[in-house]
Amino acid sequence: MVLLLIKYLKPLDEVERFLPEHRAFLDRLQREGKLLLSGRREPRTGGLILADVDSELEAMKIIVDDPFFTEKVADYEVIRFTPTRSHPNLAALLEGVAA
């Protein structure tokens, strides 16, 4: 599993120009079963994507398809982790994950 931290590099008005394409990108990830969670940061300086992928390489393949990346409006930090605890409502996230 990876957490992709997104940091905007451009002003919000420029980021918002690419928001429809970014949302379409997120919709595709969700259909593929890779997107577990996404949202914007508060204050609005970027966002995050929690993705069900096994490696940094697979995460990079996701990032290069994001219009925020291709249009150079955001930078990304990839954090790979193994979840070991969750709220009971999120227990399905831990299915199949070695503790």
C-alpha atoms as a PDB file:
ATOM      1  CA  MET A   1       0.000   0.000   0.000  1.00  0.00           C
ATOM      2  CA  VAL A   2       1.242   3.508  -0.690  1.00  0.00           C
ATOM      3  CA  LEU A   3       0.317   6.980   0.370  1.00  0.00           C
ATOM      4  CA  LEU A   4       0.900   9.562  -2.340  1.00  0.00           C
ATOM      5  CA  LEU A   5       1.264  13.033  -0.859  1.00  0.00           C
ATOM      6  CA  ILE A   6       0.576  15.711  -3.439  1.00  0.00           C
ATOM      7  CA  LYS A   7       1.966  19.234  -3.064  1.00  0.00           C
ATOM      8  CA  TYR A   8       0.812  21.970  -5.416  1.00  0.00           C
ATOM      9  CA  LEU A   9       3.579  23.815  -7.240  1.00  0.00           C
ATOM     10  CA  LYS A  10       1.313  26.339  -8.970  1.00  0.00           C
ATOM     11  CA  PRO A  11      -1.372  28.758  -7.740  1.00  0.00           C
ATOM     12  CA  LEU A  12      -4.848  27.309  -7.102  1.00  0.00           C
ATOM     13  CA  ASP A  13      -6.369  28.928 -10.189  1.00  0.00           C
ATOM     14  CA  GLU A  14      -3.915  26.981 -12.351  1.00  0.00           C
ATOM     15  CA  VAL A  15      -4.446  23.773 -10.355  1.00  0.00           C
ATOM     16  CA  GLU A  16      -8.216  24.107 -10.823  1.00  0.00           C
ATOM     17  CA  ARG A  17      -7.806  24.274 -14.611  1.00  0.00           C
ATOM     18  CA  PHE A  18      -6.699  20.623 -14.466  1.00  0.00           C
ATOM     19  CA  LEU A  19      -9.120  19.463 -11.769  1.00  0.00           C
ATOM     20  CA  PRO A  20     -11.644  17.833 -14.170  1.00  0.00           C
ATOM     21  CA  GLU A  21      -8.876  15.756 -15.791  1.00  0.00           C
ATOM     22  CA  HIS A  22      -7.433  14.884 -12.369  1.00  0.00           C
ATOM     23  CA  ARG A  23     -10.862  13.706 -11.176  1.00  0.00           C
ATOM     24  CA  ALA A  24     -11.241  11.562 -14.297  1.00  0.00           C
ATOM     25  CA  PHE A  25      -7.824  10.083 -13.501  1.00  0.00           C
ATOM     26  CA  LEU A  26      -9.012   9.291  -9.946  1.00  0.00           C
ATOM     27  CA  ASP A  27     -12.224   7.739 -11.313  1.00  0.00           C
ATOM     28  CA  ARG A  28     -10.131   5.417 -13.485  1.00  0.00           C
ATOM     29  CA  LEU A  29      -7.956   4.400 -10.521  1.00  0.00           C
ATOM     30  CA  GLN A  30     -11.095   3.663  -8.531  1.00  0.00           C
ATOM     31  CA  ARG A  31     -12.534   1.482 -11.319  1.00  0.00           C
ATOM     32  CA  GLU A  32      -9.222  -0.409 -11.456  1.00  0.00           C
ATOM     33  CA  GLY A  33      -9.452  -1.082  -7.700  1.00  0.00           C
ATOM     34  CA  LYS A  34      -6.240   0.812  -6.934  1.00  0.00           C
ATOM     35  CA  LEU A  35      -7.755   3.888  -5.273  1.00  0.00           C
ATOM     36  CA  LEU A  36      -8.692   3.345  -1.645  1.00  0.00           C
ATOM     37  CA  LEU A  37      -9.026   6.952  -0.592  1.00  0.00           C
ATOM     38  CA  SER A  38      -8.297  10.404  -1.953  1.00  0.00           C
ATOM     39  CA  GLY A  39      -8.842  13.966  -0.879  1.00  0.00           C
ATOM     40  CA  ARG A  40      -7.414  17.421  -0.622  1.00  0.00           C
ATOM     41  CA  ARG A  41      -5.218  18.746   2.130  1.00  0.00           C
ATOM     42  CA  GLU A  42      -6.409  21.465   4.509  1.00  0.00           C
ATOM     43  CA  PRO A  43      -5.288  24.122   4.041  1.00  0.00           C
ATOM     44  CA  ARG A  44      -5.559  23.514   0.321  1.00  0.00           C
ATOM     45  CA  THR A  45      -1.890  23.016  -0.518  1.00  0.00           C
ATOM     46  CA  GLY A  46      -2.247  19.649  -2.241  1.00  0.00           C
ATOM     47  CA  GLY A  47      -3.898  16.310  -1.655  1.00  0.00           C
ATOM     48  CA  LEU A  48      -3.365  12.657  -1.003  1.00  0.00           C
ATOM     49  CA  ILE A  49      -4.100   9.327  -2.572  1.00  0.00           C
ATOM     50  CA  LEU A  50      -4.119   6.056  -0.646  1.00  0.00           C
ATOM     51  CA  ALA A  51      -3.439   3.393  -3.267  1.00  0.00           C
ATOM     52  CA  ASP A  52      -3.533  -0.383  -3.179  1.00  0.00           C
ATOM     53  CA  VAL A  53      -0.261  -1.106  -4.964  1.00  0.00           C
ATOM     54  CA  ASP A  54       2.701  -3.274  -3.990  1.00  0.00           C
ATOM     55  CA  SER A  55       5.708  -1.181  -4.955  1.00  0.00           C
ATOM     56  CA  GLU A  56       7.101   2.262  -5.523  1.00  0.00           C
ATOM     57  CA  LEU A  57       7.434   1.379  -9.208  1.00  0.00           C
ATOM     58  CA  GLU A  58       3.714   0.670  -9.457  1.00  0.00           C
ATOM     59  CA  ALA A  59       3.039   3.958  -7.632  1.00  0.00           C
ATOM     60  CA  MET A  60       5.227   5.834 -10.111  1.00  0.00           C
ATOM     61  CA  LYS A  61       3.234   4.315 -12.979  1.00  0.00           C
ATOM     62  CA  ILE A  62       0.128   5.825 -11.383  1.00  0.00           C
ATOM     63  CA  ILE A  63       1.705   9.246 -10.884  1.00  0.00           C
ATOM     64  CA  VAL A  64       2.862   9.639 -14.482  1.00  0.00           C
ATOM     65  CA  ASP A  65      -0.754   9.310 -15.650  1.00  0.00           C
ATOM     66  CA  ASP A  66      -2.009  12.103 -13.384  1.00  0.00           C
ATOM     67  CA  PRO A  67      -2.608  15.390 -15.240  1.00  0.00           C
ATOM     68  CA  PHE A  68      -1.334  17.235 -12.168  1.00  0.00           C
ATOM     69  CA  PHE A  69       2.024  15.550 -12.816  1.00  0.00           C
ATOM     70  CA  THR A  70       2.070  15.818 -16.598  1.00  0.00           C
ATOM     71  CA  GLU A  71       1.149  19.518 -16.448  1.00  0.00           C
ATOM     72  CA  LYS A  72       3.716  20.151 -13.685  1.00  0.00           C
ATOM     73  CA  VAL A  73       1.239  21.677 -11.265  1.00  0.00           C
ATOM     74  CA  ALA A  74       2.075  19.284  -8.408  1.00  0.00           C
ATOM     75  CA  ASP A  75       4.913  17.294  -6.890  1.00  0.00           C
ATOM     76  CA  TYR A  76       4.536  13.882  -5.245  1.00  0.00           C
ATOM     77  CA  GLU A  77       5.983  12.036  -2.287  1.00  0.00           C
ATOM     78  CA  VAL A  78       5.566   8.256  -2.285  1.00  0.00           C
ATOM     79  CA  ILE A  79       5.313   6.609   1.129  1.00  0.00           C
ATOM     80  CA  ARG A  80       5.109   2.814   1.077  1.00  0.00           C
ATOM     81  CA  PHE A  81       3.738   1.210   4.223  1.00  0.00           C
ATOM     82  CA  THR A  82       2.159  -1.917   5.631  1.00  0.00           C
ATOM     83  CA  PRO A  83      -1.012  -1.190   7.591  1.00  0.00           C
ATOM     84  CA  THR A  84      -1.262  -3.128  10.833  1.00  0.00           C
ATOM     85  CA  ARG A  85      -4.209  -1.476  12.581  1.00  0.00           C
ATOM     86  CA  SER A  86      -7.388   0.221  11.488  1.00  0.00           C
ATOM     87  CA  HIS A  87     -10.782   1.268  12.672  1.00  0.00           C
ATOM     88  CA  PRO A  88     -13.223  -1.673  12.418  1.00  0.00           C
ATOM     89  CA  ASN A  89     -14.999   0.078   9.536  1.00  0.00           C
ATOM     90  CA  LEU A  90     -11.743  -0.098   7.572  1.00  0.00           C
ATOM     91  CA  ALA A  91     -10.852  -3.704   8.416  1.00  0.00           C
ATOM     92  CA  ALA A  92     -11.107  -4.723   4.758  1.00  0.00           C
ATOM     93  CA  LEU A  93      -7.972  -2.640   4.107  1.00  0.00           C
ATOM     94  CA  LEU A  94      -5.988  -5.145   6.145  1.00  0.00           C
ATOM     95  CA  GLU A  95      -7.278  -8.275   4.401  1.00  0.00           C
ATOM     96  CA  GLY A  96      -4.386 -10.110   2.799  1.00  0.00           C
ATOM     97  CA  VAL A  97      -1.745  -7.833   4.354  1.00  0.00           C
ATOM     98  CA  ALA A  98       0.985  -9.560   6.326  1.00  0.00           C
ATOM     99  CA  ALA A  99       1.315  -8.098   9.810  1.00  0.00           C
END
